[in-house]
Every structure is written in structure tokens, then in C-alpha cells.
Amino acid sequence: MPQCAAESKCAMSTTNLPESGAGHAEPPEFLSKVQVASLLNVSKRTVDAMLARGELPVARLSKRRLRFPRQAVIEAINRRVVGRR
């Protein structure tokens, strides 16, 4: 069972990914800004704002190329969930 709605959406949005031998596409370990925005159902500008506030973990591959660790993004969002029991 997914930990959050974002995780279940990510599992569904695995188009254009290489398939494993079992015929099931694995979600990528690292995500682009566009993929993070899609996962969270927000705009790229919102991802930029979250990044500027230090709310999302990121790996800088170069000055302009960023990759977001998928599991760390999901954990960061889960920490922001309000009213969880």
C-alpha cells in the first residue's frame, strides 16, 4: 500500500521507462524537475520554490541539471502531511 497519494501516482506514471525482465516498469530512482512536478501534481515553478526553501532534496549534476531522489522526495512530502495519526 502506498504511503501517500503521490507515491501511488508515481507508480502509475511510469511511461517511457525501460521495463524490467518481468514486464513491469520500475519507477526511476532519480527524477527530473518535470517528473517531480508531475508526481506532486504541481507546476515546475512550485518545485523551484520548494527547492529554494530547502523543502526538497536534490543532486546537482551540473549548474543547470538537477535530479531528485524519488524516495527522499516522497519522504519529504510525507513529513509535511497535516493531521496524520
Protein backbone atom coordinates (compact mmCIF):
# COMPACT_ATOMS: atom_id res chain seq x y z
CA MET A 1 0.00 0.00 0.00
CA PRO A 2 1.44 3.42 -0.93
CA GLN A 3 2.49 5.75 1.87
CA CYS A 4 0.90 8.73 0.17
CA ALA A 5 -1.17 9.63 -2.86
CA ALA A 6 1.96 10.97 -4.55
CA GLU A 7 3.64 7.56 -4.35
CA SER A 8 0.68 5.79 -5.95
CA LYS A 9 0.57 8.40 -8.72
CA CYS A 10 4.28 7.89 -9.36
CA ALA A 11 3.74 4.17 -9.70
CA MET A 12 1.11 4.87 -12.34
CA SER A 13 3.18 7.40 -14.28
CA THR A 14 5.96 5.11 -15.46
CA THR A 15 5.59 5.71 -19.18
CA ASN A 16 8.73 5.86 -21.32
CA LEU A 17 10.78 3.95 -18.76
CA PRO A 18 12.77 0.81 -19.53
CA GLU A 19 10.99 -2.34 -18.49
CA SER A 20 12.48 -5.00 -16.25
CA GLY A 21 12.50 -8.68 -17.23
CA ALA A 22 9.13 -9.27 -15.53
CA GLY A 23 7.38 -6.86 -17.91
CA HIS A 24 6.77 -4.35 -15.10
CA ALA A 25 8.24 -0.86 -15.44
CA GLU A 26 10.17 0.19 -12.34
CA PRO A 27 9.86 3.81 -11.18
CA PRO A 28 13.11 5.74 -11.67
CA GLU A 29 15.39 6.15 -8.66
CA PHE A 30 16.09 9.78 -9.59
CA LEU A 31 13.55 12.20 -11.03
CA SER A 32 13.81 15.32 -13.16
CA LYS A 33 12.08 18.55 -12.15
CA VAL A 34 9.26 17.79 -14.60
CA GLN A 35 8.79 14.32 -13.10
CA VAL A 36 8.74 15.72 -9.55
CA ALA A 37 6.15 18.32 -10.58
CA SER A 38 4.04 15.56 -12.14
CA LEU A 39 4.45 13.32 -9.10
CA LEU A 40 3.30 16.09 -6.76
CA ASN A 41 0.71 17.47 -9.20
CA VAL A 42 2.23 20.97 -9.06
CA SER A 43 3.95 23.26 -11.55
CA LYS A 44 7.69 23.37 -12.24
CA ARG A 45 7.72 26.84 -10.64
CA THR A 46 6.30 25.35 -7.43
CA VAL A 47 9.09 22.76 -7.46
CA ASP A 48 11.59 25.63 -7.90
CA ALA A 49 10.06 27.45 -4.91
CA MET A 50 10.14 24.30 -2.77
CA LEU A 51 13.76 23.79 -3.77
CA ALA A 52 14.66 27.39 -2.88
CA ARG A 53 13.05 26.94 0.56
CA GLY A 54 15.08 23.76 1.09
CA GLU A 55 11.99 21.54 1.20
CA LEU A 56 13.17 19.06 -1.44
CA PRO A 57 16.41 17.08 -1.57
CA VAL A 58 18.35 17.48 -4.81
CA ALA A 59 21.51 16.24 -6.51
CA ARG A 60 23.15 18.80 -8.79
CA LEU A 61 24.72 17.11 -11.78
CA SER A 62 25.78 20.45 -13.24
CA LYS A 63 24.84 24.11 -12.88
CA ARG A 64 21.51 23.56 -14.65
CA ARG A 65 20.90 19.82 -14.40
CA LEU A 66 19.16 18.60 -11.24
CA ARG A 67 17.95 15.18 -10.16
CA PHE A 68 15.72 14.47 -7.20
CA PRO A 69 15.99 11.15 -5.31
CA ARG A 70 12.48 9.68 -5.67
CA GLN A 71 12.21 8.12 -2.21
CA ALA A 72 13.62 11.22 -0.49
CA VAL A 73 11.04 13.41 -2.28
CA ILE A 74 8.23 11.13 -1.11
CA GLU A 75 9.60 11.17 2.46
CA ALA A 76 9.90 14.98 2.39
CA ILE A 77 6.28 15.31 1.32
CA ASN A 78 5.13 12.78 3.92
CA ARG A 79 6.76 14.90 6.64
CA ARG A 80 4.52 17.80 5.55
CA VAL A 81 1.26 15.83 5.87
CA VAL A 82 -1.00 17.55 8.40
CA GLY A 83 -3.37 15.68 10.67
CA ARG A 84 -1.83 12.23 10.18
CA ARG A 85 -2.47 9.89 13.10
